[in-house]
All heavy atoms as atom14 arrays in JSON, in Angstrom:
{
  "sequence": "ILNITHLPQIASRGEHHFLVYKEQTHAGETVSNIRLLTDEERV",
  "atom14_mask": [
    [1, 1, 1, 1, 1, 1, 1, 1, 0, 0, 0, 0, 0, 0],
    [1, 1, 1, 1, 1, 1, 1, 1, 0, 0, 0, 0, 0, 0],
    [1, 1, 1, 1, 1, 1, 1, 1, 0, 0, 0, 0, 0, 0],
    [1, 1, 1, 1, 1, 1, 1, 1, 0, 0, 0, 0, 0, 0],
    [1, 1, 1, 1, 1, 1, 1, 0, 0, 0, 0, 0, 0, 0],
    [1, 1, 1, 1, 1, 1, 1, 1, 1, 1, 0, 0, 0, 0],
    [1, 1, 1, 1, 1, 1, 1, 1, 0, 0, 0, 0, 0, 0],
    [1, 1, 1, 1, 1, 1, 1, 0, 0, 0, 0, 0, 0, 0],
    [1, 1, 1, 1, 1, 1, 1, 1, 1, 0, 0, 0, 0, 0],
    [1, 1, 1, 1, 1, 1, 1, 1, 0, 0, 0, 0, 0, 0],
    [1, 1, 1, 1, 1, 0, 0, 0, 0, 0, 0, 0, 0, 0],
    [1, 1, 1, 1, 1, 1, 0, 0, 0, 0, 0, 0, 0, 0],
    [1, 1, 1, 1, 1, 1, 1, 1, 1, 1, 1, 0, 0, 0],
    [1, 1, 1, 1, 0, 0, 0, 0, 0, 0, 0, 0, 0, 0],
    [1, 1, 1, 1, 1, 1, 1, 1, 1, 0, 0, 0, 0, 0],
    [1, 1, 1, 1, 1, 1, 1, 1, 1, 1, 0, 0, 0, 0],
    [1, 1, 1, 1, 1, 1, 1, 1, 1, 1, 0, 0, 0, 0],
    [1, 1, 1, 1, 1, 1, 1, 1, 1, 1, 1, 0, 0, 0],
    [1, 1, 1, 1, 1, 1, 1, 1, 0, 0, 0, 0, 0, 0],
    [1, 1, 1, 1, 1, 1, 1, 0, 0, 0, 0, 0, 0, 0],
    [1, 1, 1, 1, 1, 1, 1, 1, 1, 1, 1, 1, 0, 0],
    [1, 1, 1, 1, 1, 1, 1, 1, 1, 0, 0, 0, 0, 0],
    [1, 1, 1, 1, 1, 1, 1, 1, 1, 0, 0, 0, 0, 0],
    [1, 1, 1, 1, 1, 1, 1, 1, 1, 0, 0, 0, 0, 0],
    [1, 1, 1, 1, 1, 1, 1, 0, 0, 0, 0, 0, 0, 0],
    [1, 1, 1, 1, 1, 1, 1, 1, 1, 1, 0, 0, 0, 0],
    [1, 1, 1, 1, 1, 0, 0, 0, 0, 0, 0, 0, 0, 0],
    [1, 1, 1, 1, 0, 0, 0, 0, 0, 0, 0, 0, 0, 0],
    [1, 1, 1, 1, 1, 1, 1, 1, 1, 0, 0, 0, 0, 0],
    [1, 1, 1, 1, 1, 1, 1, 0, 0, 0, 0, 0, 0, 0],
    [1, 1, 1, 1, 1, 1, 1, 0, 0, 0, 0, 0, 0, 0],
    [1, 1, 1, 1, 1, 1, 0, 0, 0, 0, 0, 0, 0, 0],
    [1, 1, 1, 1, 1, 1, 1, 1, 0, 0, 0, 0, 0, 0],
    [1, 1, 1, 1, 1, 1, 1, 1, 0, 0, 0, 0, 0, 0],
    [1, 1, 1, 1, 1, 1, 1, 1, 1, 1, 1, 0, 0, 0],
    [1, 1, 1, 1, 1, 1, 1, 1, 0, 0, 0, 0, 0, 0],
    [1, 1, 1, 1, 1, 1, 1, 1, 0, 0, 0, 0, 0, 0],
    [1, 1, 1, 1, 1, 1, 1, 0, 0, 0, 0, 0, 0, 0],
    [1, 1, 1, 1, 1, 1, 1, 1, 0, 0, 0, 0, 0, 0],
    [1, 1, 1, 1, 1, 1, 1, 1, 1, 0, 0, 0, 0, 0],
    [1, 1, 1, 1, 1, 1, 1, 1, 1, 0, 0, 0, 0, 0],
    [1, 1, 1, 1, 1, 1, 1, 1, 1, 1, 1, 0, 0, 0],
    [1, 1, 1, 1, 1, 1, 1, 0, 0, 0, 0, 0, 0, 0]
  ],
  "atom14_positions": [
    [[53.35, 63.69, -135.02], [51.92, 63.7, -135.46], [51.58, 65.2, -135.57], [51.7, 66.0, -134.53], [51.04, 63.05, -134.38], [51.45, 61.57, -134.14], [49.55, 63.21, -134.82], [51.05, 60.6, -135.26], [0.0, 0.0, 0.0], [0.0, 0.0, 0.0], [0.0, 0.0, 0.0], [0.0, 0.0, 0.0], [0.0, 0.0, 0.0], [0.0, 0.0, 0.0]],
    [[50.97, 65.63, -136.65], [50.33, 66.87, -136.8], [48.92, 66.59, -137.0], [48.42, 65.85, -137.86], [50.83, 67.64, -138.06], [52.32, 67.94, -138.05], [52.68, 68.63, -139.39], [52.69, 68.86, -136.9], [0.0, 0.0, 0.0], [0.0, 0.0, 0.0], [0.0, 0.0, 0.0], [0.0, 0.0, 0.0], [0.0, 0.0, 0.0], [0.0, 0.0, 0.0]],
    [[48.05, 67.19, -136.05], [46.66, 66.78, -135.98], [45.77, 68.06, -135.99], [45.96, 68.92, -135.1], [46.42, 66.03, -134.77], [45.02, 65.44, -134.63], [44.46, 65.09, -135.71], [44.44, 65.32, -133.54], [0.0, 0.0, 0.0], [0.0, 0.0, 0.0], [0.0, 0.0, 0.0], [0.0, 0.0, 0.0], [0.0, 0.0, 0.0], [0.0, 0.0, 0.0]],
    [[44.91, 68.14, -136.97], [43.89, 69.26, -136.98], [42.61, 68.75, -136.4], [41.97, 67.73, -136.88], [43.75, 69.66, -138.46], [45.02, 70.14, -139.06], [42.62, 70.75, -138.51], [45.02, 70.26, -140.58], [0.0, 0.0, 0.0], [0.0, 0.0, 0.0], [0.0, 0.0, 0.0], [0.0, 0.0, 0.0], [0.0, 0.0, 0.0], [0.0, 0.0, 0.0]],
    [[42.13, 69.39, -135.32], [40.97, 68.83, -134.63], [40.2, 70.05, -133.98], [40.75, 71.12, -133.77], [41.34, 67.84, -133.51], [40.16, 67.34, -132.99], [42.23, 68.46, -132.45], [0.0, 0.0, 0.0], [0.0, 0.0, 0.0], [0.0, 0.0, 0.0], [0.0, 0.0, 0.0], [0.0, 0.0, 0.0], [0.0, 0.0, 0.0], [0.0, 0.0, 0.0]],
    [[38.91, 69.72, -133.72], [38.03, 70.64, -133.0], [37.61, 70.03, -131.67], [36.69, 70.55, -131.06], [36.88, 71.17, -133.81], [37.28, 72.04, -135.03], [37.51, 71.5, -136.28], [37.61, 73.28, -135.06], [37.84, 72.48, -137.09], [37.92, 73.55, -136.33], [0.0, 0.0, 0.0], [0.0, 0.0, 0.0], [0.0, 0.0, 0.0], [0.0, 0.0, 0.0]],
    [[38.09, 68.88, -131.36], [37.65, 68.15, -130.11], [38.59, 68.35, -129.07], [39.85, 68.06, -129.14], [37.51, 66.7, -130.43], [36.38, 66.25, -131.36], [36.36, 64.76, -131.57], [35.05, 66.74, -130.77], [0.0, 0.0, 0.0], [0.0, 0.0, 0.0], [0.0, 0.0, 0.0], [0.0, 0.0, 0.0], [0.0, 0.0, 0.0], [0.0, 0.0, 0.0]],
    [[38.16, 68.94, -127.87], [39.13, 69.18, -126.76], [39.8, 67.91, -126.23], [40.95, 68.0, -125.78], [38.27, 69.81, -125.79], [36.92, 69.51, -126.07], [36.82, 69.34, -127.53], [0.0, 0.0, 0.0], [0.0, 0.0, 0.0], [0.0, 0.0, 0.0], [0.0, 0.0, 0.0], [0.0, 0.0, 0.0], [0.0, 0.0, 0.0], [0.0, 0.0, 0.0]],
    [[39.1, 66.74, -126.29], [39.64, 65.54, -125.73], [40.88, 65.1, -126.56], [41.8, 64.44, -126.03], [38.65, 64.4, -125.81], [37.4, 64.62, -124.98], [36.27, 65.22, -125.84], [36.5, 65.98, -126.7], [35.11, 64.8, -125.48], [0.0, 0.0, 0.0], [0.0, 0.0, 0.0], [0.0, 0.0, 0.0], [0.0, 0.0, 0.0], [0.0, 0.0, 0.0]],
    [[40.9, 65.42, -127.8], [42.01, 65.09, -128.71], [43.06, 66.25, -128.73], [44.32, 66.05, -128.56], [41.52, 64.83, -130.11], [40.69, 63.5, -130.16], [42.66, 64.74, -131.12], [40.1, 63.05, -131.37], [0.0, 0.0, 0.0], [0.0, 0.0, 0.0], [0.0, 0.0, 0.0], [0.0, 0.0, 0.0], [0.0, 0.0, 0.0], [0.0, 0.0, 0.0]],
    [[42.56, 67.51, -128.79], [43.52, 68.65, -128.81], [44.43, 68.63, -127.56], [45.59, 69.01, -127.67], [42.76, 69.88, -128.99], [0.0, 0.0, 0.0], [0.0, 0.0, 0.0], [0.0, 0.0, 0.0], [0.0, 0.0, 0.0], [0.0, 0.0, 0.0], [0.0, 0.0, 0.0], [0.0, 0.0, 0.0], [0.0, 0.0, 0.0], [0.0, 0.0, 0.0]],
    [[43.82, 68.29, -126.38], [44.65, 68.42, -125.16], [45.81, 67.42, -125.13], [46.72, 67.63, -124.38], [43.67, 68.08, -123.99], [43.2, 66.75, -124.07], [0.0, 0.0, 0.0], [0.0, 0.0, 0.0], [0.0, 0.0, 0.0], [0.0, 0.0, 0.0], [0.0, 0.0, 0.0], [0.0, 0.0, 0.0], [0.0, 0.0, 0.0], [0.0, 0.0, 0.0]],
    [[45.81, 66.46, -126.03], [46.91, 65.49, -126.06], [48.11, 66.0, -126.77], [49.18, 65.44, -126.72], [46.49, 64.14, -126.83], [45.26, 63.52, -126.1], [45.61, 63.13, -124.76], [44.45, 62.55, -124.11], [44.47, 61.74, -123.09], [45.69, 61.26, -122.69], [43.42, 61.3, -122.48], [0.0, 0.0, 0.0], [0.0, 0.0, 0.0], [0.0, 0.0, 0.0]],
    [[48.0, 67.2, -127.44], [49.17, 67.74, -128.18], [50.22, 68.25, -127.29], [49.96, 68.86, -126.26], [0.0, 0.0, 0.0], [0.0, 0.0, 0.0], [0.0, 0.0, 0.0], [0.0, 0.0, 0.0], [0.0, 0.0, 0.0], [0.0, 0.0, 0.0], [0.0, 0.0, 0.0], [0.0, 0.0, 0.0], [0.0, 0.0, 0.0], [0.0, 0.0, 0.0]],
    [[51.45, 68.08, -127.67], [52.55, 68.58, -126.83], [52.71, 70.11, -127.16], [53.17, 70.86, -126.26], [53.85, 67.86, -127.28], [55.01, 68.13, -126.36], [56.22, 67.22, -126.62], [56.0, 66.05, -126.99], [57.34, 67.67, -126.36], [0.0, 0.0, 0.0], [0.0, 0.0, 0.0], [0.0, 0.0, 0.0], [0.0, 0.0, 0.0], [0.0, 0.0, 0.0]],
    [[52.41, 70.48, -128.38], [52.46, 71.92, -128.78], [51.13, 72.17, -129.53], [50.54, 71.27, -130.12], [53.65, 72.24, -129.72], [54.95, 71.84, -129.13], [55.58, 72.68, -128.25], [55.77, 70.86, -129.37], [56.72, 72.17, -127.91], [56.87, 70.99, -128.56], [0.0, 0.0, 0.0], [0.0, 0.0, 0.0], [0.0, 0.0, 0.0], [0.0, 0.0, 0.0]],
    [[50.64, 73.45, -129.39], [49.38, 73.82, -130.12], [49.71, 75.01, -130.92], [50.37, 75.99, -130.57], [48.29, 74.16, -129.05], [47.78, 72.96, -128.37], [48.28, 72.52, -127.12], [46.94, 72.04, -128.77], [47.58, 71.48, -126.75], [46.79, 71.05, -127.77], [0.0, 0.0, 0.0], [0.0, 0.0, 0.0], [0.0, 0.0, 0.0], [0.0, 0.0, 0.0]],
    [[49.15, 74.96, -132.15], [49.13, 76.1, -133.09], [47.76, 76.55, -133.41], [46.84, 75.69, -133.5], [49.85, 75.66, -134.42], [51.31, 75.33, -134.28], [51.69, 74.05, -133.76], [52.29, 76.3, -134.51], [53.04, 73.69, -133.66], [53.65, 75.93, -134.33], [54.03, 74.68, -134.01], [0.0, 0.0, 0.0], [0.0, 0.0, 0.0], [0.0, 0.0, 0.0]],
    [[47.56, 77.78, -133.52], [46.3, 78.34, -133.93], [46.35, 78.74, -135.35], [47.26, 79.53, -135.76], [45.91, 79.63, -133.0], [44.64, 80.27, -133.36], [43.48, 79.4, -133.04], [44.55, 81.61, -132.61], [0.0, 0.0, 0.0], [0.0, 0.0, 0.0], [0.0, 0.0, 0.0], [0.0, 0.0, 0.0], [0.0, 0.0, 0.0], [0.0, 0.0, 0.0]],
    [[45.44, 78.22, -136.1], [45.23, 78.6, -137.55], [44.09, 79.63, -137.6], [43.04, 79.32, -137.1], [44.96, 77.34, -138.41], [44.75, 77.83, -139.91], [46.04, 76.37, -138.3], [0.0, 0.0, 0.0], [0.0, 0.0, 0.0], [0.0, 0.0, 0.0], [0.0, 0.0, 0.0], [0.0, 0.0, 0.0], [0.0, 0.0, 0.0], [0.0, 0.0, 0.0]],
    [[44.38, 80.76, -138.22], [43.35, 81.84, -138.28], [43.47, 82.59, -139.54], [44.45, 82.5, -140.27], [43.48, 82.76, -137.08], [44.79, 83.53, -137.01], [44.88, 84.82, -137.41], [45.86, 82.88, -136.47], [46.12, 85.47, -137.37], [47.15, 83.53, -136.42], [47.22, 84.82, -136.85], [48.45, 85.47, -136.81], [0.0, 0.0, 0.0], [0.0, 0.0, 0.0]],
    [[42.4, 83.31, -139.93], [42.37, 84.01, -141.14], [42.3, 85.54, -140.84], [41.75, 85.89, -139.82], [41.09, 83.67, -142.0], [41.16, 82.22, -142.49], [40.09, 81.85, -143.41], [40.31, 80.45, -143.79], [39.55, 79.88, -144.81], [0.0, 0.0, 0.0], [0.0, 0.0, 0.0], [0.0, 0.0, 0.0], [0.0, 0.0, 0.0], [0.0, 0.0, 0.0]],
    [[42.98, 86.3, -141.72], [43.07, 87.74, -141.57], [42.81, 88.39, -142.89], [43.12, 87.79, -143.95], [44.47, 88.16, -141.13], [44.66, 88.15, -139.64], [46.05, 88.68, -139.29], [47.03, 88.52, -140.06], [46.16, 89.29, -138.18], [0.0, 0.0, 0.0], [0.0, 0.0, 0.0], [0.0, 0.0, 0.0], [0.0, 0.0, 0.0], [0.0, 0.0, 0.0]],
    [[42.32, 89.62, -142.83], [42.14, 90.38, -144.02], [43.3, 91.37, -144.24], [43.66, 92.07, -143.26], [40.8, 91.15, -144.09], [40.37, 91.41, -145.41], [38.85, 91.26, -145.58], [38.15, 91.31, -144.63], [38.41, 90.91, -146.77], [0.0, 0.0, 0.0], [0.0, 0.0, 0.0], [0.0, 0.0, 0.0], [0.0, 0.0, 0.0], [0.0, 0.0, 0.0]],
    [[43.97, 91.4, -145.4], [45.06, 92.37, -145.58], [44.47, 93.74, -145.94], [43.26, 93.9, -146.14], [45.94, 91.89, -146.74], [45.2, 91.97, -147.91], [46.46, 90.48, -146.52], [0.0, 0.0, 0.0], [0.0, 0.0, 0.0], [0.0, 0.0, 0.0], [0.0, 0.0, 0.0], [0.0, 0.0, 0.0], [0.0, 0.0, 0.0], [0.0, 0.0, 0.0]],
    [[45.42, 94.73, -145.98], [44.96, 96.07, -146.37], [44.37, 96.09, -147.68], [43.58, 96.94, -148.1], [46.08, 97.11, -146.24], [46.55, 97.25, -144.8], [45.77, 97.75, -143.84], [47.76, 96.89, -144.21], [46.47, 97.8, -142.76], [47.69, 97.29, -142.87], [0.0, 0.0, 0.0], [0.0, 0.0, 0.0], [0.0, 0.0, 0.0], [0.0, 0.0, 0.0]],
    [[44.86, 95.21, -148.59], [44.37, 95.1, -149.95], [43.0, 94.37, -150.05], [42.47, 94.25, -151.16], [45.45, 94.44, -150.84], [0.0, 0.0, 0.0], [0.0, 0.0, 0.0], [0.0, 0.0, 0.0], [0.0, 0.0, 0.0], [0.0, 0.0, 0.0], [0.0, 0.0, 0.0], [0.0, 0.0, 0.0], [0.0, 0.0, 0.0], [0.0, 0.0, 0.0]],
    [[42.5, 93.89, -148.97], [41.22, 93.19, -148.98], [41.26, 91.79, -149.16], [40.23, 91.02, -149.31], [0.0, 0.0, 0.0], [0.0, 0.0, 0.0], [0.0, 0.0, 0.0], [0.0, 0.0, 0.0], [0.0, 0.0, 0.0], [0.0, 0.0, 0.0], [0.0, 0.0, 0.0], [0.0, 0.0, 0.0], [0.0, 0.0, 0.0], [0.0, 0.0, 0.0]],
    [[42.52, 91.16, -149.28], [42.66, 89.74, -149.49], [42.57, 88.98, -148.15], [42.9, 89.54, -147.1], [43.94, 89.32, -150.11], [44.11, 89.92, -151.56], [45.54, 89.67, -152.08], [46.48, 89.7, -151.22], [45.67, 89.35, -153.19], [0.0, 0.0, 0.0], [0.0, 0.0, 0.0], [0.0, 0.0, 0.0], [0.0, 0.0, 0.0], [0.0, 0.0, 0.0]],
    [[41.99, 87.83, -148.14], [42.01, 87.01, -146.93], [43.15, 86.03, -146.98], [43.3, 85.31, -147.97], [40.62, 86.19, -146.86], [39.56, 87.15, -146.85], [40.57, 85.38, -145.6], [0.0, 0.0, 0.0], [0.0, 0.0, 0.0], [0.0, 0.0, 0.0], [0.0, 0.0, 0.0], [0.0, 0.0, 0.0], [0.0, 0.0, 0.0], [0.0, 0.0, 0.0]],
    [[43.95, 85.99, -146.0], [45.03, 85.11, -145.92], [44.98, 84.26, -144.63], [44.45, 84.71, -143.54], [46.43, 85.87, -145.92], [46.69, 86.62, -147.19], [46.52, 86.87, -144.69], [0.0, 0.0, 0.0], [0.0, 0.0, 0.0], [0.0, 0.0, 0.0], [0.0, 0.0, 0.0], [0.0, 0.0, 0.0], [0.0, 0.0, 0.0], [0.0, 0.0, 0.0]],
    [[45.47, 83.0, -144.73], [45.53, 82.18, -143.46], [46.86, 82.29, -142.88], [47.92, 82.36, -143.51], [45.36, 80.71, -143.96], [44.04, 80.52, -144.48], [0.0, 0.0, 0.0], [0.0, 0.0, 0.0], [0.0, 0.0, 0.0], [0.0, 0.0, 0.0], [0.0, 0.0, 0.0], [0.0, 0.0, 0.0], [0.0, 0.0, 0.0], [0.0, 0.0, 0.0]],
    [[46.87, 82.25, -141.55], [48.1, 82.4, -140.7], [48.13, 81.25, -139.68], [47.04, 80.71, -139.4], [48.12, 83.74, -139.97], [48.36, 84.9, -141.0], [49.25, 84.86, -141.79], [47.5, 85.88, -140.83], [0.0, 0.0, 0.0], [0.0, 0.0, 0.0], [0.0, 0.0, 0.0], [0.0, 0.0, 0.0], [0.0, 0.0, 0.0], [0.0, 0.0, 0.0]],
    [[49.26, 81.08, -139.14], [49.45, 80.04, -138.08], [50.41, 80.59, -137.11], [51.4, 81.21, -137.47], [49.83, 78.63, -138.65], [49.87, 77.52, -137.62], [51.19, 78.74, -139.35], [50.04, 76.19, -138.07], [0.0, 0.0, 0.0], [0.0, 0.0, 0.0], [0.0, 0.0, 0.0], [0.0, 0.0, 0.0], [0.0, 0.0, 0.0], [0.0, 0.0, 0.0]],
    [[50.15, 80.31, -135.78], [51.13, 80.73, -134.81], [51.13, 79.76, -133.6], [50.1, 79.2, -133.26], [51.01, 82.21, -134.34], [49.73, 82.42, -133.53], [49.65, 83.85, -133.14], [48.43, 84.15, -132.37], [48.31, 83.91, -131.08], [49.31, 83.44, -130.37], [47.2, 84.18, -130.47], [0.0, 0.0, 0.0], [0.0, 0.0, 0.0], [0.0, 0.0, 0.0]],
    [[52.34, 79.59, -133.03], [52.45, 78.73, -131.87], [51.89, 79.42, -130.62], [52.11, 80.6, -130.43], [53.95, 78.5, -131.61], [54.35, 77.61, -130.4], [53.79, 76.16, -130.54], [55.84, 77.59, -130.22], [0.0, 0.0, 0.0], [0.0, 0.0, 0.0], [0.0, 0.0, 0.0], [0.0, 0.0, 0.0], [0.0, 0.0, 0.0], [0.0, 0.0, 0.0]],
    [[51.08, 78.62, -129.86], [50.38, 79.25, -128.7], [51.28, 79.13, -127.42], [52.01, 78.09, -127.23], [49.09, 78.5, -128.42], [48.0, 78.64, -129.53], [46.8, 77.82, -129.12], [47.65, 80.12, -129.78], [0.0, 0.0, 0.0], [0.0, 0.0, 0.0], [0.0, 0.0, 0.0], [0.0, 0.0, 0.0], [0.0, 0.0, 0.0], [0.0, 0.0, 0.0]],
    [[51.19, 80.05, -126.51], [51.83, 79.97, -125.21], [51.01, 79.05, -124.39], [49.9, 78.6, -124.71], [51.86, 81.38, -124.55], [50.47, 81.74, -124.25], [52.59, 82.4, -125.4], [0.0, 0.0, 0.0], [0.0, 0.0, 0.0], [0.0, 0.0, 0.0], [0.0, 0.0, 0.0], [0.0, 0.0, 0.0], [0.0, 0.0, 0.0], [0.0, 0.0, 0.0]],
    [[51.6, 78.66, -123.19], [50.87, 77.75, -122.31], [49.47, 78.28, -121.98], [48.5, 77.51, -121.95], [51.68, 77.48, -121.06], [52.83, 76.57, -121.34], [52.93, 75.94, -122.41], [53.71, 76.56, -120.47], [0.0, 0.0, 0.0], [0.0, 0.0, 0.0], [0.0, 0.0, 0.0], [0.0, 0.0, 0.0], [0.0, 0.0, 0.0], [0.0, 0.0, 0.0]],
    [[49.35, 79.59, -121.62], [48.09, 80.15, -121.2], [47.16, 80.21, -122.42], [45.94, 79.98, -122.26], [48.25, 81.5, -120.52], [47.05, 81.97, -119.79], [46.37, 81.01, -118.84], [47.19, 80.34, -118.2], [45.16, 81.04, -118.73], [0.0, 0.0, 0.0], [0.0, 0.0, 0.0], [0.0, 0.0, 0.0], [0.0, 0.0, 0.0], [0.0, 0.0, 0.0]],
    [[47.67, 80.52, -123.65], [46.84, 80.57, -124.86], [46.26, 79.23, -125.1], [45.17, 79.05, -125.56], [47.6, 81.17, -126.0], [47.86, 82.61, -125.88], [48.83, 83.07, -126.97], [49.73, 82.37, -127.44], [48.66, 84.28, -127.4], [0.0, 0.0, 0.0], [0.0, 0.0, 0.0], [0.0, 0.0, 0.0], [0.0, 0.0, 0.0], [0.0, 0.0, 0.0]],
    [[47.1, 78.1, -124.83], [46.61, 76.8, -125.08], [45.33, 76.52, -124.21], [44.34, 75.96, -124.69], [47.64, 75.74, -124.63], [48.87, 75.7, -125.57], [49.96, 74.8, -125.01], [49.51, 73.41, -125.02], [50.21, 72.45, -124.44], [51.42, 72.76, -124.02], [49.79, 71.21, -124.55], [0.0, 0.0, 0.0], [0.0, 0.0, 0.0], [0.0, 0.0, 0.0]],
    [[45.41, 76.99, -122.92], [44.23, 76.75, -122.03], [42.98, 77.51, -122.58], [41.93, 76.94, -122.58], [44.64, 77.26, -120.58], [43.4, 77.24, -119.69], [45.76, 76.39, -120.0], [0.0, 0.0, 0.0], [0.0, 0.0, 0.0], [0.0, 0.0, 0.0], [0.0, 0.0, 0.0], [0.0, 0.0, 0.0], [0.0, 0.0, 0.0], [0.0, 0.0, 0.0]]
  ]
}
């Protein structure tokens, strides 16, 4: 199951958590990124 949510009751059920975030490049473009969170980052 891959689940995109903003509810902690649901997010906490995940075995792994990824953070999706946006960044601006040097050229001024906005790009979306994703990275696996560590245990403490999950908290």
